[in-house]
Amino acid sequence: MDGNKFLDNLKDDFRRGALAQRDALSVEARADAARVIAAASLPVELPPGVIVAGYSPINSELDPYPLMRALAHRGATLALPVIIARNEALIFRAWQPDEGLVRGPFGIFQPSSDADEVDPDIVLVPLAAFDRAGHRIGYGRGYYDRTLQDLRTIKKITVIGVAFAVQEIETVPRLPHDEQLDCVLTERELIDLRGL
C-alpha cells in the first residue's frame, strides 16, 4: 500500500470517529454552540463590502447561519457555496439571510443560479475533524481543497474552520493537496493558526 493510500485510510478512520463524536451531541448543545460562535469576534478586519462565505449545514454540522447573520449586521456581504460538477472547485453566490435557497447536489441548500457569483475574502469551512496545526479532514470529496487553492491564487483570503470542540483530534494526516486553515472557531475558543 502506498503512503497516500495509507493516509487516506487513516483519515477515514479519524473522520468516522470525529463524526461519531459530533453526532452524539444533543440538539440543545448544537444550538448553544451556534449561539456562542455567533457572538464570537473574528480575528480579522471586516471592512465595508467584505465578502464572507458560509455554508449550508448538513447532518450534524455546526450551524453557521447565526454567525453569518451577525456578520451581515456588521456590514459583511454573505455568500454560500455552489457545487458545479464533481471534481470541480466550488463557486460562491451572493446570499442574504432572508432569501430562499434551492436544493443542490447531495441535498445541500444553495442560492439559485440567478444570484451573483462572488469571490469571498473570508471562507467559513465545515469539517469532520481538525488539529491545532491548521489541518482539517473534510468529507473526502476534495471540494474545499480545490476551491481554497483556486481562491488563494487570485486573492488573499482567510479560511476559518467552524466546528464543535469535540471534533479536535491530535494530528490530521496531511496529503500534499490538503489546504491549511488560518483559524478554527469552536464553541470553546478561537484557535488562530496564522502564526504557525
C-alpha atoms as a PDB file:
ATOM      1  CA  MET A   1       0.000   0.000   0.000  1.00  0.00           C
ATOM      2  CA  ASP A   2       1.451   3.361  -0.973  1.00  0.00           C
ATOM      3  CA  GLY A   3       1.817   6.168   1.556  1.00  0.00           C
ATOM      4  CA  ASN A   4      -1.065   8.282   0.241  1.00  0.00           C
ATOM      5  CA  LYS A   5      -3.464   5.313   0.321  1.00  0.00           C
ATOM      6  CA  PHE A   6      -2.398   4.570   3.905  1.00  0.00           C
ATOM      7  CA  LEU A   7      -3.026   8.204   4.895  1.00  0.00           C
ATOM      8  CA  ASP A   8      -6.403   8.173   3.138  1.00  0.00           C
ATOM      9  CA  ASN A   9      -7.419   5.098   5.135  1.00  0.00           C
ATOM     10  CA  LEU A  10      -6.185   6.720   8.339  1.00  0.00           C
ATOM     11  CA  LYS A  11      -8.180   9.848   7.511  1.00  0.00           C
ATOM     12  CA  ASP A  12     -11.295   7.705   7.006  1.00  0.00           C
ATOM     13  CA  ASP A  13     -10.849   6.245  10.500  1.00  0.00           C
ATOM     14  CA  PHE A  14     -10.365   9.700  12.058  1.00  0.00           C
ATOM     15  CA  ARG A  15     -13.327  11.051  10.061  1.00  0.00           C
ATOM     16  CA  ARG A  16     -15.626   8.299  11.336  1.00  0.00           C
ATOM     17  CA  GLY A  17     -14.510   8.855  14.937  1.00  0.00           C
ATOM     18  CA  ALA A  18     -14.888  12.639  14.838  1.00  0.00           C
ATOM     19  CA  LEU A  19     -18.282  12.461  13.127  1.00  0.00           C
ATOM     20  CA  ALA A  20     -19.491   9.981  15.760  1.00  0.00           C
ATOM     21  CA  GLN A  21     -18.462  12.497  18.444  1.00  0.00           C
ATOM     22  CA  ARG A  22     -20.287  15.260  16.595  1.00  0.00           C
ATOM     23  CA  ASP A  23     -23.398  13.125  16.026  1.00  0.00           C
ATOM     24  CA  ALA A  24     -23.531  12.314  19.762  1.00  0.00           C
ATOM     25  CA  LEU A  25     -24.060  15.985  20.696  1.00  0.00           C
ATOM     26  CA  SER A  26     -27.616  16.859  21.699  1.00  0.00           C
ATOM     27  CA  VAL A  27     -29.744  19.226  19.636  1.00  0.00           C
ATOM     28  CA  GLU A  28     -29.553  21.699  22.542  1.00  0.00           C
ATOM     29  CA  ALA A  29     -25.749  21.502  22.692  1.00  0.00           C
ATOM     30  CA  ARG A  30     -25.552  22.154  18.949  1.00  0.00           C
ATOM     31  CA  ALA A  31     -27.887  25.154  19.168  1.00  0.00           C
ATOM     32  CA  ASP A  32     -25.957  26.536  22.169  1.00  0.00           C
ATOM     33  CA  ALA A  33     -22.664  26.173  20.275  1.00  0.00           C
ATOM     34  CA  ALA A  34     -24.075  28.023  17.244  1.00  0.00           C
ATOM     35  CA  ARG A  35     -25.195  30.883  19.530  1.00  0.00           C
ATOM     36  CA  VAL A  36     -21.800  31.090  21.259  1.00  0.00           C
ATOM     37  CA  ILE A  37     -19.988  31.138  17.918  1.00  0.00           C
ATOM     38  CA  ALA A  38     -22.334  33.835  16.563  1.00  0.00           C
ATOM     39  CA  ALA A  39     -21.264  36.081  19.449  1.00  0.00           C
ATOM     40  CA  ALA A  40     -17.530  35.449  18.917  1.00  0.00           C
ATOM     41  CA  SER A  41     -15.346  38.142  17.441  1.00  0.00           C
ATOM     42  CA  LEU A  42     -13.389  37.022  14.418  1.00  0.00           C
ATOM     43  CA  PRO A  43      -9.638  37.745  14.304  1.00  0.00           C
ATOM     44  CA  VAL A  44      -9.956  39.592  11.006  1.00  0.00           C
ATOM     45  CA  GLU A  45     -10.985  43.030   9.883  1.00  0.00           C
ATOM     46  CA  LEU A  46     -14.469  43.395   8.456  1.00  0.00           C
ATOM     47  CA  PRO A  47     -14.110  46.396   6.136  1.00  0.00           C
ATOM     48  CA  PRO A  48     -17.214  47.579   4.274  1.00  0.00           C
ATOM     49  CA  GLY A  49     -18.039  45.191   1.447  1.00  0.00           C
ATOM     50  CA  VAL A  50     -16.060  42.258   2.853  1.00  0.00           C
ATOM     51  CA  ILE A  51     -17.477  39.029   1.440  1.00  0.00           C
ATOM     52  CA  VAL A  52     -17.925  36.159   3.886  1.00  0.00           C
ATOM     53  CA  ALA A  53     -18.774  32.727   2.507  1.00  0.00           C
ATOM     54  CA  GLY A  54     -20.512  30.373   4.879  1.00  0.00           C
ATOM     55  CA  TYR A  55     -22.122  27.023   4.141  1.00  0.00           C
ATOM     56  CA  SER A  56     -25.494  25.328   4.455  1.00  0.00           C
ATOM     57  CA  PRO A  57     -25.211  22.801   7.280  1.00  0.00           C
ATOM     58  CA  ILE A  58     -25.919  19.148   6.617  1.00  0.00           C
ATOM     59  CA  ASN A  59     -26.369  16.272   9.044  1.00  0.00           C
ATOM     60  CA  SER A  60     -24.939  17.274  12.434  1.00  0.00           C
ATOM     61  CA  GLU A  61     -22.669  20.101  11.200  1.00  0.00           C
ATOM     62  CA  LEU A  62     -22.403  23.209  13.314  1.00  0.00           C
ATOM     63  CA  ASP A  63     -24.973  25.690  12.013  1.00  0.00           C
ATOM     64  CA  PRO A  64     -23.110  28.815  10.761  1.00  0.00           C
ATOM     65  CA  TYR A  65     -26.280  30.801   9.976  1.00  0.00           C
ATOM     66  CA  PRO A  66     -26.399  32.651  13.341  1.00  0.00           C
ATOM     67  CA  LEU A  67     -22.750  33.707  12.823  1.00  0.00           C
ATOM     68  CA  MET A  68     -23.437  34.703   9.222  1.00  0.00           C
ATOM     69  CA  ARG A  69     -26.431  36.821  10.275  1.00  0.00           C
ATOM     70  CA  ALA A  70     -24.273  38.512  12.941  1.00  0.00           C
ATOM     71  CA  LEU A  71     -21.595  39.268  10.321  1.00  0.00           C
ATOM     72  CA  ALA A  72     -24.220  40.649   7.926  1.00  0.00           C
ATOM     73  CA  HIS A  73     -25.392  43.016  10.719  1.00  0.00           C
ATOM     74  CA  ARG A  74     -21.782  44.234  10.896  1.00  0.00           C
ATOM     75  CA  GLY A  75     -21.771  45.040   7.177  1.00  0.00           C
ATOM     76  CA  ALA A  76     -20.459  41.834   5.586  1.00  0.00           C
ATOM     77  CA  THR A  77     -21.791  40.631   2.255  1.00  0.00           C
ATOM     78  CA  LEU A  78     -22.690  36.941   2.537  1.00  0.00           C
ATOM     79  CA  ALA A  79     -22.212  34.099   0.090  1.00  0.00           C
ATOM     80  CA  LEU A  80     -22.804  30.357   0.005  1.00  0.00           C
ATOM     81  CA  PRO A  81     -21.005  27.641  -1.963  1.00  0.00           C
ATOM     82  CA  VAL A  82     -22.468  26.005  -5.044  1.00  0.00           C
ATOM     83  CA  ILE A  83     -21.346  22.655  -6.442  1.00  0.00           C
ATOM     84  CA  ILE A  84     -20.926  22.969 -10.210  1.00  0.00           C
ATOM     85  CA  ALA A  85     -19.661  19.485 -11.056  1.00  0.00           C
ATOM     86  CA  ARG A  86     -17.906  16.538  -9.469  1.00  0.00           C
ATOM     87  CA  ASN A  87     -14.123  17.070  -9.100  1.00  0.00           C
ATOM     88  CA  GLU A  88     -14.506  20.810  -9.780  1.00  0.00           C
ATOM     89  CA  ALA A  89     -13.900  23.720  -7.410  1.00  0.00           C
ATOM     90  CA  LEU A  90     -16.959  25.239  -5.757  1.00  0.00           C
ATOM     91  CA  ILE A  91     -18.209  28.647  -6.789  1.00  0.00           C
ATOM     92  CA  PHE A  92     -19.803  31.114  -4.371  1.00  0.00           C
ATOM     93  CA  ARG A  93     -23.022  33.011  -4.949  1.00  0.00           C
ATOM     94  CA  ALA A  94     -24.168  36.082  -3.010  1.00  0.00           C
ATOM     95  CA  TRP A  95     -26.908  35.403  -0.480  1.00  0.00           C
ATOM     96  CA  GLN A  96     -28.975  37.383   2.045  1.00  0.00           C
ATOM     97  CA  PRO A  97     -30.433  35.676   5.142  1.00  0.00           C
ATOM     98  CA  ASP A  98     -33.997  36.453   4.027  1.00  0.00           C
ATOM     99  CA  GLU A  99     -33.521  34.912   0.560  1.00  0.00           C
ATOM    100  CA  GLY A 100     -34.742  31.425  -0.229  1.00  0.00           C
ATOM    101  CA  LEU A 101     -32.402  28.610  -1.216  1.00  0.00           C
ATOM    102  CA  VAL A 102     -32.709  25.735  -3.668  1.00  0.00           C
ATOM    103  CA  ARG A 103     -31.655  22.150  -3.055  1.00  0.00           C
ATOM    104  CA  GLY A 104     -28.444  21.292  -4.905  1.00  0.00           C
ATOM    105  CA  PRO A 105     -26.231  18.192  -5.176  1.00  0.00           C
ATOM    106  CA  PHE A 106     -26.121  15.956  -2.067  1.00  0.00           C
ATOM    107  CA  GLY A 107     -29.313  17.718  -0.921  1.00  0.00           C
ATOM    108  CA  ILE A 108     -27.348  20.814   0.151  1.00  0.00           C
ATOM    109  CA  PHE A 109     -29.213  24.128   0.053  1.00  0.00           C
ATOM    110  CA  GLN A 110     -27.609  26.795  -2.130  1.00  0.00           C
ATOM    111  CA  PRO A 111     -28.515  30.122  -3.767  1.00  0.00           C
ATOM    112  CA  SER A 112     -30.340  29.946  -7.089  1.00  0.00           C
ATOM    113  CA  SER A 113     -28.417  30.285 -10.335  1.00  0.00           C
ATOM    114  CA  ASP A 114     -29.535  33.902 -10.798  1.00  0.00           C
ATOM    115  CA  ALA A 115     -27.601  35.031  -7.685  1.00  0.00           C
ATOM    116  CA  ASP A 116     -24.331  36.861  -8.431  1.00  0.00           C
ATOM    117  CA  GLU A 117     -21.114  34.849  -8.376  1.00  0.00           C
ATOM    118  CA  VAL A 118     -18.552  36.337  -5.942  1.00  0.00           C
ATOM    119  CA  ASP A 119     -15.026  35.614  -4.675  1.00  0.00           C
ATOM    120  CA  PRO A 120     -15.082  35.647  -0.853  1.00  0.00           C
ATOM    121  CA  ASP A 121     -12.485  37.278   1.391  1.00  0.00           C
ATOM    122  CA  ILE A 122     -13.313  35.059   4.376  1.00  0.00           C
ATOM    123  CA  VAL A 123     -14.379  31.438   3.978  1.00  0.00           C
ATOM    124  CA  LEU A 124     -16.129  29.585   6.799  1.00  0.00           C
ATOM    125  CA  VAL A 125     -15.388  25.916   6.193  1.00  0.00           C
ATOM    126  CA  PRO A 126     -17.265  22.894   7.542  1.00  0.00           C
ATOM    127  CA  LEU A 127     -15.185  19.885   8.528  1.00  0.00           C
ATOM    128  CA  ALA A 128     -15.222  16.424  10.055  1.00  0.00           C
ATOM    129  CA  ALA A 129     -12.064  16.844  12.169  1.00  0.00           C
ATOM    130  CA  PHE A 130      -9.256  19.338  12.791  1.00  0.00           C
ATOM    131  CA  ASP A 131      -5.961  19.633  14.644  1.00  0.00           C
ATOM    132  CA  ARG A 132      -4.045  22.552  16.152  1.00  0.00           C
ATOM    133  CA  ALA A 133      -1.653  22.729  13.217  1.00  0.00           C
ATOM    134  CA  GLY A 134      -4.425  24.016  10.930  1.00  0.00           C
ATOM    135  CA  HIS A 135      -5.180  20.776   9.141  1.00  0.00           C
ATOM    136  CA  ARG A 136      -8.701  19.532   8.539  1.00  0.00           C
ATOM    137  CA  ILE A 137     -10.409  16.385   7.449  1.00  0.00           C
ATOM    138  CA  GLY A 138     -13.379  17.060   5.216  1.00  0.00           C
ATOM    139  CA  TYR A 139     -15.715  14.517   3.714  1.00  0.00           C
ATOM    140  CA  GLY A 140     -13.250  13.060   1.251  1.00  0.00           C
ATOM    141  CA  ARG A 141     -14.501  14.654  -1.977  1.00  0.00           C
ATOM    142  CA  GLY A 142     -11.876  17.413  -2.103  1.00  0.00           C
ATOM    143  CA  TYR A 143     -14.243  20.270  -2.974  1.00  0.00           C
ATOM    144  CA  TYR A 144     -12.841  22.684  -0.413  1.00  0.00           C
ATOM    145  CA  ASP A 145      -9.182  21.816  -1.075  1.00  0.00           C
ATOM    146  CA  ARG A 146      -9.631  22.584  -4.798  1.00  0.00           C
ATOM    147  CA  THR A 147     -11.670  25.704  -4.054  1.00  0.00           C
ATOM    148  CA  LEU A 148      -9.297  27.188  -1.475  1.00  0.00           C
ATOM    149  CA  GLN A 149      -6.300  26.514  -3.709  1.00  0.00           C
ATOM    150  CA  ASP A 150      -8.008  28.362  -6.582  1.00  0.00           C
ATOM    151  CA  LEU A 151      -9.094  31.297  -4.400  1.00  0.00           C
ATOM    152  CA  ARG A 152      -5.630  31.669  -2.881  1.00  0.00           C
ATOM    153  CA  THR A 153      -4.164  32.124  -6.369  1.00  0.00           C
ATOM    154  CA  ILE A 154      -6.380  35.156  -7.044  1.00  0.00           C
ATOM    155  CA  LYS A 155      -6.602  36.951  -3.672  1.00  0.00           C
ATOM    156  CA  LYS A 156      -5.656  36.877  -0.023  1.00  0.00           C
ATOM    157  CA  ILE A 157      -8.343  35.003   1.876  1.00  0.00           C
ATOM    158  CA  THR A 158      -8.837  33.964   5.493  1.00  0.00           C
ATOM    159  CA  VAL A 159     -10.049  30.396   5.954  1.00  0.00           C
ATOM    160  CA  ILE A 160     -11.846  29.655   9.208  1.00  0.00           C
ATOM    161  CA  GLY A 161     -12.826  26.109  10.102  1.00  0.00           C
ATOM    162  CA  VAL A 162     -16.106  26.022  12.028  1.00  0.00           C
ATOM    163  CA  ALA A 163     -16.574  23.032  14.304  1.00  0.00           C
ATOM    164  CA  PHE A 164     -17.557  21.696  17.681  1.00  0.00           C
ATOM    165  CA  ALA A 165     -14.672  21.310  20.129  1.00  0.00           C
ATOM    166  CA  VAL A 166     -15.259  17.512  20.208  1.00  0.00           C
ATOM    167  CA  GLN A 167     -14.095  17.322  16.575  1.00  0.00           C
ATOM    168  CA  GLU A 168     -10.497  18.133  17.504  1.00  0.00           C
ATOM    169  CA  ILE A 169      -8.002  15.296  17.075  1.00  0.00           C
ATOM    170  CA  GLU A 170      -4.308  15.136  17.927  1.00  0.00           C
ATOM    171  CA  THR A 171      -2.892  15.065  14.394  1.00  0.00           C
ATOM    172  CA  VAL A 172      -4.587  15.101  11.000  1.00  0.00           C
ATOM    173  CA  PRO A 173      -2.694  13.014   8.414  1.00  0.00           C
ATOM    174  CA  ARG A 174      -1.749  15.535   5.730  1.00  0.00           C
ATOM    175  CA  LEU A 175      -1.572  14.921   1.989  1.00  0.00           C
ATOM    176  CA  PRO A 176       0.151  17.307  -0.473  1.00  0.00           C
ATOM    177  CA  HIS A 177      -3.140  18.702  -1.848  1.00  0.00           C
ATOM    178  CA  ASP A 178      -4.624  19.441   1.605  1.00  0.00           C
ATOM    179  CA  GLU A 179      -5.232  23.148   2.176  1.00  0.00           C
ATOM    180  CA  GLN A 180      -4.429  24.783   5.507  1.00  0.00           C
ATOM    181  CA  LEU A 181      -6.888  26.538   7.829  1.00  0.00           C
ATOM    182  CA  ASP A 182      -5.986  30.007   9.129  1.00  0.00           C
ATOM    183  CA  CYS A 183      -8.186  29.659  12.219  1.00  0.00           C
ATOM    184  CA  VAL A 184     -10.607  27.252  13.839  1.00  0.00           C
ATOM    185  CA  LEU A 185     -13.666  28.572  15.624  1.00  0.00           C
ATOM    186  CA  THR A 186     -15.377  26.306  18.170  1.00  0.00           C
ATOM    187  CA  GLU A 187     -17.829  26.992  20.971  1.00  0.00           C
ATOM    188  CA  ARG A 188     -14.891  26.870  23.390  1.00  0.00           C
ATOM    189  CA  GLU A 189     -12.271  29.005  21.682  1.00  0.00           C
ATOM    190  CA  LEU A 190     -10.865  30.651  18.601  1.00  0.00           C
ATOM    191  CA  ILE A 191      -7.644  28.922  17.561  1.00  0.00           C
ATOM    192  CA  ASP A 192      -5.567  31.339  15.471  1.00  0.00           C
ATOM    193  CA  LEU A 193      -3.096  29.343  13.370  1.00  0.00           C
ATOM    194  CA  ARG A 194      -1.708  32.100  11.187  1.00  0.00           C
ATOM    195  CA  GLY A 195       1.486  32.452  13.217  1.00  0.00           C
ATOM    196  CA  LEU A 196       2.444  28.777  12.830  1.00  0.00           C
END
